[in-house]
């Protein structure tokens, strides 16, 4: 595979050199035609000099024609190579997108059905989201233990672990400071 790549890289360089050569020849041809036109406009110029200038321009024009034929014959191969390469890239990316689509569909199916088996994907226990304020309040109403600590919590402190100090308010920002003071760091667990 690597040798083919090197072959086509060198081939591309040669085709590129041919196009550079064509550009230089065309510029020279324009200059020769322009010089012959100016020479024809000069009254003192001989007709033989004008004919020689036109002859040189025609010879360069013939070389340009040969060069164009060579470029047309070799560029077909390179264009075919580029088309094949583009087809391979399109196939590889299409297969990748098909595989990713299948994976996404499988994941969506597992999420909607609870996953394969009773314990979820891979036989593991499903991960449950942390309790929210409503769930804690519902559990509290069911237990009815008389602890008003959870009611004082703010929305931002929903994940704050209940502590033994019921006198402290767990208002916005105070929960972390309170637990930091208790433990000397923020090593508290969340629901």
Foldseek 3Di string as FASTA:
>chain_A
DVVVVVVLVVLVVVLVVLVVVLVVLVVVLVVLVVVLVVLVVDPPHDPVVSVVSVVVSVVSVVVSVVSVVVSVVSVVVVVVVVVVVVVVVVVVVVVVVVVVVVVVVQVVVQVVVVDPDDCHPPNHNDDDDADFLVNVVVVCVVVVPVQCQSVQADRVCRFQDDDPPSVDGNPVPVRQVVVCVVPVHNPDGGD
